[in-house]
Protein backbone atom coordinates (compact mmCIF):
# COMPACT_ATOMS: atom_id res chain seq x y z
CA UNK A 1 0.00 0.00 0.00
CA UNK A 2 0.90 3.63 -0.33
CA UNK A 3 -0.29 4.65 3.13
CA UNK A 4 3.22 4.95 4.57
CA UNK A 5 2.25 3.19 7.79
CA UNK A 6 2.96 -0.10 9.52
CA UNK A 7 -0.74 -1.04 9.76
CA UNK A 8 -1.81 -4.47 8.53
CA UNK A 9 -4.29 -4.20 5.66
CA UNK A 10 -6.08 -5.99 2.84
CA UNK A 11 -5.51 -7.28 0.24
CA UNK A 12 -2.08 -8.12 1.68
CA UNK A 13 -3.70 -9.94 4.61
CA UNK A 14 -5.07 -12.62 2.28
CA UNK A 15 -2.97 -15.79 2.52
CA UNK A 16 -2.38 -16.12 -1.23
CA UNK A 17 -1.37 -12.50 -1.79
CA UNK A 18 2.24 -11.30 -1.77
CA UNK A 19 2.80 -7.95 -0.05
CA UNK A 20 5.34 -5.74 -1.82
CA UNK A 21 7.00 -2.63 -0.42
CA UNK A 22 8.86 0.08 -2.31
CA UNK A 23 12.43 1.33 -1.80
CA UNK A 24 14.48 4.06 -3.43
CA UNK A 25 17.73 3.63 -5.38
CA UNK A 26 19.69 3.57 -2.10
CA UNK A 27 17.50 0.76 -0.74
CA UNK A 28 15.84 3.11 1.75
CA UNK A 29 12.16 2.63 2.56
CA UNK A 30 10.00 4.85 0.40
CA UNK A 31 8.16 7.39 2.57
CA UNK A 32 4.79 6.37 1.07
CA UNK A 33 5.31 2.59 1.30
CA UNK A 34 3.87 0.42 4.01
CA UNK A 35 6.40 -1.69 5.92
CA UNK A 36 5.20 -4.33 8.36
CA UNK A 37 5.23 -8.08 9.02
CA UNK A 38 3.11 -8.65 5.87
CA UNK A 39 5.84 -7.46 3.49
CA UNK A 40 7.39 -10.40 1.67
CA UNK A 41 9.46 -8.54 -0.89
CA UNK A 42 10.77 -5.07 -1.70
CA UNK A 43 11.61 -3.55 -5.06
CA UNK A 44 12.42 -0.19 -6.64
CA UNK A 45 9.39 2.08 -6.42
CA UNK A 46 10.73 5.65 -6.34
CA UNK A 47 11.34 7.58 -9.56
CA UNK A 48 11.08 4.46 -11.74
CA UNK A 49 11.28 5.26 -15.45
CA UNK A 50 8.31 4.18 -17.52
CA UNK A 51 7.28 4.52 -21.13
CA UNK A 52 4.51 6.77 -22.37
CA UNK A 53 2.75 7.02 -25.72
CA UNK A 54 4.60 8.91 -28.42
CA UNK A 55 8.02 7.43 -27.60
CA UNK A 56 8.23 9.39 -24.32
CA UNK A 57 9.38 8.53 -20.82
CA UNK A 58 8.45 9.67 -17.33
CA UNK A 59 9.44 8.80 -13.78
CA UNK A 60 6.75 7.48 -11.44
CA UNK A 61 6.71 6.49 -7.78
CA UNK A 62 4.50 4.05 -5.91
CA UNK A 63 4.16 0.45 -4.89
CA UNK A 64 2.50 -0.07 -8.28
CA UNK A 65 5.93 0.58 -9.78
CA UNK A 66 7.57 -1.97 -7.44
CA UNK A 67 5.11 -4.79 -8.13
CA UNK A 68 6.18 -5.49 -11.75
CA UNK A 69 9.77 -6.03 -10.59
CA UNK A 70 8.61 -8.62 -8.06
CA UNK A 71 6.26 -10.27 -10.57
CA UNK A 72 9.21 -10.74 -12.92
CA UNK A 73 11.30 -12.39 -10.22
CA UNK A 74 8.42 -14.65 -9.16
CA UNK A 75 7.92 -15.73 -12.78
CA UNK A 76 11.54 -16.90 -12.87
CA UNK A 77 11.27 -18.97 -9.67
PDB file of N, CA and C in Angstrom:
ATOM      1  N   UNK A   1       0.798  -1.189   0.000  1.00  0.00           N
ATOM      2  CA  UNK A   1       0.000   0.000   0.000  1.00  0.00           C
ATOM      3  C   UNK A   1       0.846   1.261   0.000  1.00  0.00           C
ATOM      4  N   UNK A   2       0.222   2.340  -0.297  1.00  0.00           N
ATOM      5  CA  UNK A   2       0.899   3.627  -0.330  1.00  0.00           C
ATOM      6  C   UNK A   2       0.517   4.506   0.853  1.00  0.00           C
ATOM      7  N   UNK A   3       0.114   3.889   1.960  1.00  0.00           N
ATOM      8  CA  UNK A   3      -0.286   4.652   3.133  1.00  0.00           C
ATOM      9  C   UNK A   3       0.867   5.118   3.998  1.00  0.00           C
ATOM     10  N   UNK A   4       2.051   4.546   3.808  1.00  0.00           N
ATOM     11  CA  UNK A   4       3.222   4.949   4.572  1.00  0.00           C
ATOM     12  C   UNK A   4       3.158   4.577   6.038  1.00  0.00           C
ATOM     13  N   UNK A   5       2.371   3.565   6.385  1.00  0.00           N
ATOM     14  CA  UNK A   5       2.251   3.185   7.789  1.00  0.00           C
ATOM     15  C   UNK A   5       2.707   1.749   7.993  1.00  0.00           C
ATOM     16  N   UNK A   6       2.621   1.296   9.224  1.00  0.00           N
ATOM     17  CA  UNK A   6       2.956  -0.100   9.516  1.00  0.00           C
ATOM     18  C   UNK A   6       1.704  -0.909   9.832  1.00  0.00           C
ATOM     19  N   UNK A   7       0.530  -0.359   9.511  1.00  0.00           N
ATOM     20  CA  UNK A   7      -0.738  -1.041   9.761  1.00  0.00           C
ATOM     21  C   UNK A   7      -0.903  -2.244   8.835  1.00  0.00           C
ATOM     22  N   UNK A   8      -1.489  -3.303   9.353  1.00  0.00           N
ATOM     23  CA  UNK A   8      -1.812  -4.465   8.527  1.00  0.00           C
ATOM     24  C   UNK A   8      -3.082  -4.146   7.747  1.00  0.00           C
ATOM     25  N   UNK A   9      -3.131  -4.560   6.481  1.00  0.00           N
ATOM     26  CA  UNK A   9      -4.287  -4.203   5.664  1.00  0.00           C
ATOM     27  C   UNK A   9      -4.530  -5.236   4.570  1.00  0.00           C
ATOM     28  N   UNK A  10      -5.726  -5.159   3.996  1.00  0.00           N
ATOM     29  CA  UNK A  10      -6.080  -5.990   2.845  1.00  0.00           C
ATOM     30  C   UNK A  10      -5.786  -5.208   1.576  1.00  0.00           C
ATOM     31  N   UNK A  11      -5.442  -5.848   0.488  1.00  0.00           N
ATOM     32  CA  UNK A  11      -5.507  -7.277   0.238  1.00  0.00           C
ATOM     33  C   UNK A  11      -4.307  -8.066   0.729  1.00  0.00           C
ATOM     34  N   UNK A  12      -3.284  -7.412   1.257  1.00  0.00           N
ATOM     35  CA  UNK A  12      -2.077  -8.119   1.678  1.00  0.00           C
ATOM     36  C   UNK A  12      -2.327  -9.135   2.790  1.00  0.00           C
ATOM     37  N   UNK A  13      -3.392  -8.987   3.543  1.00  0.00           N
ATOM     38  CA  UNK A  13      -3.699  -9.941   4.607  1.00  0.00           C
ATOM     39  C   UNK A  13      -4.203 -11.282   4.085  1.00  0.00           C
ATOM     40  N   UNK A  14      -4.635 -11.336   2.838  1.00  0.00           N
ATOM     41  CA  UNK A  14      -5.070 -12.620   2.278  1.00  0.00           C
ATOM     42  C   UNK A  14      -3.866 -13.556   2.168  1.00  0.00           C
ATOM     43  N   UNK A  15      -4.068 -14.822   2.483  1.00  0.00           N
ATOM     44  CA  UNK A  15      -2.970 -15.794   2.515  1.00  0.00           C
ATOM     45  C   UNK A  15      -2.267 -15.975   1.177  1.00  0.00           C
ATOM     46  N   UNK A  16      -2.976 -15.864   0.084  1.00  0.00           N
ATOM     47  CA  UNK A  16      -2.382 -16.118  -1.228  1.00  0.00           C
ATOM     48  C   UNK A  16      -1.943 -14.845  -1.949  1.00  0.00           C
ATOM     49  N   UNK A  17      -1.788 -13.775  -1.213  1.00  0.00           N
ATOM     50  CA  UNK A  17      -1.366 -12.496  -1.787  1.00  0.00           C
ATOM     51  C   UNK A  17       0.028 -12.160  -1.275  1.00  0.00           C
ATOM     52  N   UNK A  18       0.894 -11.706  -2.161  1.00  0.00           N
ATOM     53  CA  UNK A  18       2.237 -11.297  -1.772  1.00  0.00           C
ATOM     54  C   UNK A  18       2.246  -9.791  -1.546  1.00  0.00           C
ATOM     55  N   UNK A  19       2.705  -9.374  -0.382  1.00  0.00           N
ATOM     56  CA  UNK A  19       2.801  -7.953  -0.053  1.00  0.00           C
ATOM     57  C   UNK A  19       4.152  -7.420  -0.515  1.00  0.00           C
ATOM     58  N   UNK A  20       4.125  -6.324  -1.254  1.00  0.00           N
ATOM     59  CA  UNK A  20       5.337  -5.737  -1.824  1.00  0.00           C
ATOM     60  C   UNK A  20       5.496  -4.307  -1.310  1.00  0.00           C
ATOM     61  N   UNK A  21       6.687  -3.983  -0.859  1.00  0.00           N
ATOM     62  CA  UNK A  21       7.004  -2.627  -0.416  1.00  0.00           C
ATOM     63  C   UNK A  21       7.952  -1.981  -1.422  1.00  0.00           C
ATOM     64  N   UNK A  22       8.019  -0.667  -1.376  1.00  0.00           N
ATOM     65  CA  UNK A  22       8.859   0.084  -2.309  1.00  0.00           C
ATOM     66  C   UNK A  22      10.066   0.683  -1.593  1.00  0.00           C
ATOM     67  N   UNK A  23      11.203   0.695  -2.294  1.00  0.00           N
ATOM     68  CA  UNK A  23      12.426   1.330  -1.800  1.00  0.00           C
ATOM     69  C   UNK A  23      12.958   2.266  -2.870  1.00  0.00           C
ATOM     70  N   UNK A  24      13.863   3.161  -2.456  1.00  0.00           N
ATOM     71  CA  UNK A  24      14.484   4.056  -3.429  1.00  0.00           C
ATOM     72  C   UNK A  24      15.773   3.433  -3.956  1.00  0.00           C
ATOM     73  N   UNK A  25      16.509   4.169  -4.760  1.00  0.00           N
ATOM     74  CA  UNK A  25      17.727   3.629  -5.381  1.00  0.00           C
ATOM     75  C   UNK A  25      18.837   3.336  -4.372  1.00  0.00           C
ATOM     76  N   UNK A  26      18.720   3.864  -3.166  1.00  0.00           N
ATOM     77  CA  UNK A  26      19.691   3.569  -2.103  1.00  0.00           C
ATOM     78  C   UNK A  26      19.195   2.492  -1.151  1.00  0.00           C
ATOM     79  N   UNK A  27      18.121   1.825  -1.531  1.00  0.00           N
ATOM     80  CA  UNK A  27      17.495   0.762  -0.745  1.00  0.00           C
ATOM     81  C   UNK A  27      16.899   1.260   0.563  1.00  0.00           C
ATOM     82  N   UNK A  28      16.539   2.548   0.597  1.00  0.00           N
ATOM     83  CA  UNK A  28      15.837   3.114   1.755  1.00  0.00           C
ATOM     84  C   UNK A  28      14.340   2.968   1.538  1.00  0.00           C
ATOM     85  N   UNK A  29      13.610   2.744   2.615  1.00  0.00           N
ATOM     86  CA  UNK A  29      12.155   2.632   2.556  1.00  0.00           C
ATOM     87  C   UNK A  29      11.572   3.892   1.945  1.00  0.00           C
ATOM     88  N   UNK A  30      10.687   3.702   0.994  1.00  0.00           N
ATOM     89  CA  UNK A  30       9.996   4.846   0.401  1.00  0.00           C
ATOM     90  C   UNK A  30       9.040   5.423   1.436  1.00  0.00           C
ATOM     91  N   UNK A  31       8.980   6.732   1.538  1.00  0.00           N
ATOM     92  CA  UNK A  31       8.163   7.387   2.567  1.00  0.00           C
ATOM     93  C   UNK A  31       6.689   7.005   2.468  1.00  0.00           C
ATOM     94  N   UNK A  32       6.204   6.687   1.283  1.00  0.00           N
ATOM     95  CA  UNK A  32       4.794   6.365   1.074  1.00  0.00           C
ATOM     96  C   UNK A  32       4.481   4.878   1.254  1.00  0.00           C
ATOM     97  N   UNK A  33       5.520   4.039   1.302  1.00  0.00           N
ATOM     98  CA  UNK A  33       5.312   2.594   1.296  1.00  0.00           C
ATOM     99  C   UNK A  33       5.040   2.035   2.684  1.00  0.00           C
ATOM    100  N   UNK A  34       4.109   1.098   2.752  1.00  0.00           N
ATOM    101  CA  UNK A  34       3.867   0.416   4.008  1.00  0.00           C
ATOM    102  C   UNK A  34       4.971  -0.607   4.261  1.00  0.00           C
ATOM    103  N   UNK A  35       5.417  -0.695   5.503  1.00  0.00           N
ATOM    104  CA  UNK A  35       6.404  -1.693   5.917  1.00  0.00           C
ATOM    105  C   UNK A  35       5.899  -2.315   7.199  1.00  0.00           C
ATOM    106  N   UNK A  36       5.664  -3.613   7.179  1.00  0.00           N
ATOM    107  CA  UNK A  36       5.198  -4.330   8.357  1.00  0.00           C
ATOM    108  C   UNK A  36       5.489  -5.815   8.172  1.00  0.00           C
ATOM    109  N   UNK A  37       4.959  -6.636   9.065  1.00  0.00           N
ATOM    110  CA  UNK A  37       5.227  -8.075   9.016  1.00  0.00           C
ATOM    111  C   UNK A  37       4.615  -8.753   7.794  1.00  0.00           C
ATOM    112  N   UNK A  38       3.710  -8.086   7.081  1.00  0.00           N
ATOM    113  CA  UNK A  38       3.106  -8.649   5.871  1.00  0.00           C
ATOM    114  C   UNK A  38       4.052  -8.609   4.677  1.00  0.00           C
ATOM    115  N   UNK A  39       4.982  -7.680   4.662  1.00  0.00           N
ATOM    116  CA  UNK A  39       5.838  -7.459   3.490  1.00  0.00           C
ATOM    117  C   UNK A  39       6.717  -8.690   3.255  1.00  0.00           C
ATOM    118  N   UNK A  40       6.606  -9.227   2.044  1.00  0.00           N
ATOM    119  CA  UNK A  40       7.388 -10.402   1.666  1.00  0.00           C
ATOM    120  C   UNK A  40       8.521 -10.058   0.714  1.00  0.00           C
ATOM    121  N   UNK A  41       8.436  -8.913   0.064  1.00  0.00           N
ATOM    122  CA  UNK A  41       9.459  -8.536  -0.891  1.00  0.00           C
ATOM    123  C   UNK A  41       9.481  -7.015  -1.045  1.00  0.00           C
ATOM    124  N   UNK A  42      10.643  -6.492  -1.400  1.00  0.00           N
ATOM    125  CA  UNK A  42      10.768  -5.069  -1.698  1.00  0.00           C
ATOM    126  C   UNK A  42      11.390  -4.925  -3.083  1.00  0.00           C
ATOM    127  N   UNK A  43      11.099  -3.806  -3.720  1.00  0.00           N
ATOM    128  CA  UNK A  43      11.614  -3.550  -5.060  1.00  0.00           C
ATOM    129  C   UNK A  43      11.649  -2.050  -5.296  1.00  0.00           C
ATOM    130  N   UNK A  44      12.380  -1.614  -6.333  1.00  0.00           N
ATOM    131  CA  UNK A  44      12.418  -0.186  -6.644  1.00  0.00           C
ATOM    132  C   UNK A  44      11.013   0.356  -6.894  1.00  0.00           C
ATOM    133  N   UNK A  45      10.705   1.478  -6.245  1.00  0.00           N
ATOM    134  CA  UNK A  45       9.386   2.077  -6.419  1.00  0.00           C
ATOM    135  C   UNK A  45       9.408   3.593  -6.365  1.00  0.00           C
ATOM    136  N   UNK A  46      10.602   4.190  -6.391  1.00  0.00           N
ATOM    137  CA  UNK A  46      10.733   5.645  -6.338  1.00  0.00           C
ATOM    138  C   UNK A  46      11.434   6.118  -7.613  1.00  0.00           C
ATOM    139  N   UNK A  47      10.784   7.016  -8.319  1.00  0.00           N
ATOM    140  CA  UNK A  47      11.336   7.579  -9.561  1.00  0.00           C
ATOM    141  C   UNK A  47      11.732   6.492 -10.556  1.00  0.00           C
ATOM    142  N   UNK A  48      10.834   5.544 -10.783  1.00  0.00           N
ATOM    143  CA  UNK A  48      11.077   4.461 -11.739  1.00  0.00           C
ATOM    144  C   UNK A  48      10.667   4.943 -13.124  1.00  0.00           C
ATOM    145  N   UNK A  49      11.573   4.825 -14.077  1.00  0.00           N
ATOM    146  CA  UNK A  49      11.281   5.265 -15.447  1.00  0.00           C
ATOM    147  C   UNK A  49      10.267   4.332 -16.081  1.00  0.00           C
ATOM    148  N   UNK A  50       9.342   4.932 -16.821  1.00  0.00           N
ATOM    149  CA  UNK A  50       8.306   4.177 -17.517  1.00  0.00           C
ATOM    150  C   UNK A  50       8.072   4.805 -18.887  1.00  0.00           C
ATOM    151  N   UNK A  51       7.555   4.011 -19.789  1.00  0.00           N
ATOM    152  CA  UNK A  51       7.281   4.517 -21.131  1.00  0.00           C
ATOM    153  C   UNK A  51       5.896   5.149 -21.201  1.00  0.00           C
ATOM    154  N   UNK A  52       5.774   6.089 -22.109  1.00  0.00           N
ATOM    155  CA  UNK A  52       4.508   6.774 -22.372  1.00  0.00           C
ATOM    156  C   UNK A  52       4.262   6.758 -23.878  1.00  0.00           C
ATOM    157  N   UNK A  53       3.028   6.951 -24.279  1.00  0.00           N
ATOM    158  CA  UNK A  53       2.749   7.021 -25.716  1.00  0.00           C
ATOM    159  C   UNK A  53       3.586   8.114 -26.394  1.00  0.00           C
ATOM    160  N   UNK A  54       3.855   7.921 -27.649  1.00  0.00           N
ATOM    161  CA  UNK A  54       4.605   8.913 -28.417  1.00  0.00           C
ATOM    162  C   UNK A  54       6.101   8.831 -28.191  1.00  0.00           C
ATOM    163  N   UNK A  55       6.584   7.646 -27.807  1.00  0.00           N
ATOM    164  CA  UNK A  55       8.016   7.430 -27.601  1.00  0.00           C
ATOM    165  C   UNK A  55       8.583   8.346 -26.516  1.00  0.00           C
ATOM    166  N   UNK A  56       7.813   8.545 -25.435  1.00  0.00           N
ATOM    167  CA  UNK A  56       8.230   9.388 -24.317  1.00  0.00           C
ATOM    168  C   UNK A  56       8.444   8.561 -23.058  1.00  0.00           C
ATOM    169  N   UNK A  57       9.105   9.178 -22.103  1.00  0.00           N
ATOM    170  CA  UNK A  57       9.383   8.531 -20.820  1.00  0.00           C
ATOM    171  C   UNK A  57       9.023   9.477 -19.682  1.00  0.00           C
ATOM    172  N   UNK A  58       8.723   8.886 -18.532  1.00  0.00           N
ATOM    173  CA  UNK A  58       8.451   9.671 -17.330  1.00  0.00           C
ATOM    174  C   UNK A  58       8.874   8.837 -16.125  1.00  0.00           C
ATOM    175  N   UNK A  59       9.101   9.489 -15.019  1.00  0.00           N
ATOM    176  CA  UNK A  59       9.435   8.795 -13.776  1.00  0.00           C
ATOM    177  C   UNK A  59       8.216   8.801 -12.874  1.00  0.00           C
ATOM    178  N   UNK A  60       7.913   7.645 -12.299  1.00  0.00           N
ATOM    179  CA  UNK A  60       6.747   7.482 -11.438  1.00  0.00           C
ATOM    180  C   UNK A  60       7.180   6.839 -10.133  1.00  0.00           C
ATOM    181  N   UNK A  61       6.437   7.089  -9.085  1.00  0.00           N
ATOM    182  CA  UNK A  61       6.709   6.486  -7.785  1.00  0.00           C
ATOM    183  C   UNK A  61       5.442   5.844  -7.245  1.00  0.00           C
ATOM    184  N   UNK A  62       5.615   4.735  -6.536  1.00  0.00           N
ATOM    185  CA  UNK A  62       4.501   4.049  -5.908  1.00  0.00           C
ATOM    186  C   UNK A  62       4.759   2.560  -5.820  1.00  0.00           C
ATOM    187  N   UNK A  63       4.005   1.898  -4.976  1.00  0.00           N
ATOM    188  CA  UNK A  63       4.155   0.446  -4.888  1.00  0.00           C
ATOM    189  C   UNK A  63       3.717  -0.211  -6.195  1.00  0.00           C
ATOM    190  N   UNK A  64       2.898   0.465  -6.965  1.00  0.00           N
ATOM    191  CA  UNK A  64       2.503  -0.067  -8.278  1.00  0.00           C
ATOM    192  C   UNK A  64       3.697  -0.137  -9.219  1.00  0.00           C
ATOM    193  N   UNK A  65       4.714   0.644  -8.977  1.00  0.00           N
ATOM    194  CA  UNK A  65       5.934   0.577  -9.782  1.00  0.00           C
ATOM    195  C   UNK A  65       6.855  -0.533  -9.282  1.00  0.00           C
ATOM    196  N   UNK A  66       6.753  -0.891  -8.007  1.00  0.00           N
ATOM    197  CA  UNK A  66       7.574  -1.965  -7.437  1.00  0.00           C
ATOM    198  C   UNK A  66       7.038  -3.343  -7.805  1.00  0.00           C
ATOM    199  N   UNK A  67       5.733  -3.480  -7.894  1.00  0.00           N
ATOM    200  CA  UNK A  67       5.114  -4.794  -8.133  1.00  0.00           C
ATOM    201  C   UNK A  67       5.565  -5.485  -9.417  1.00  0.00           C
ATOM    202  N   UNK A  68       5.718  -4.788 -10.546  1.00  0.00           N
ATOM    203  CA  UNK A  68       6.178  -5.491 -11.754  1.00  0.00           C
ATOM    204  C   UNK A  68       7.571  -6.097 -11.594  1.00  0.00           C
ATOM    205  N   UNK A  69       8.445  -5.450 -10.827  1.00  0.00           N
ATOM    206  CA  UNK A  69       9.771  -6.027 -10.586  1.00  0.00           C
ATOM    207  C   UNK A  69       9.633  -7.360  -9.855  1.00  0.00           C
ATOM    208  N   UNK A  70       8.805  -7.388  -8.841  1.00  0.00           N
ATOM    209  CA  UNK A  70       8.605  -8.621  -8.062  1.00  0.00           C
ATOM    210  C   UNK A  70       7.929  -9.690  -8.913  1.00  0.00           C
ATOM    211  N   UNK A  71       6.945  -9.311  -9.708  1.00  0.00           N
ATOM    212  CA  UNK A  71       6.257 -10.270 -10.568  1.00  0.00           C
ATOM    213  C   UNK A  71       7.244 -10.942 -11.529  1.00  0.00           C
ATOM    214  N   UNK A  72       8.189 -10.178 -12.043  1.00  0.00           N
ATOM    215  CA  UNK A  72       9.208 -10.741 -12.923  1.00  0.00           C
ATOM    216  C   UNK A  72      10.085 -11.758 -12.216  1.00  0.00           C
ATOM    217  N   UNK A  73      10.469 -11.455 -10.998  1.00  0.00           N
ATOM    218  CA  UNK A  73      11.297 -12.394 -10.219  1.00  0.00           C
ATOM    219  C   UNK A  73      10.510 -13.658  -9.894  1.00  0.00           C
ATOM    220  N   UNK A  74       9.256 -13.493  -9.487  1.00  0.00           N
ATOM    221  CA  UNK A  74       8.424 -14.651  -9.158  1.00  0.00           C
ATOM    222  C   UNK A  74       8.234 -15.536 -10.392  1.00  0.00           C
ATOM    223  N   UNK A  75       8.092 -14.947 -11.550  1.00  0.00           N
ATOM    224  CA  UNK A  75       7.917 -15.730 -12.778  1.00  0.00           C
ATOM    225  C   UNK A  75       9.146 -16.595 -13.067  1.00  0.00           C
ATOM    226  N   UNK A  76      10.307 -16.144 -12.631  1.00  0.00           N
ATOM    227  CA  UNK A  76      11.543 -16.897 -12.872  1.00  0.00           C
ATOM    228  C   UNK A  76      11.761 -18.021 -11.862  1.00  0.00           C
ATOM    229  N   UNK A  77      11.066 -17.957 -10.738  1.00  0.00           N
ATOM    230  CA  UNK A  77      11.268 -18.966  -9.671  1.00  0.00           C
ATOM    231  C   UNK A  77      10.527 -20.234  -9.983  1.00  0.00           C
TER     232      UNK A  77
END
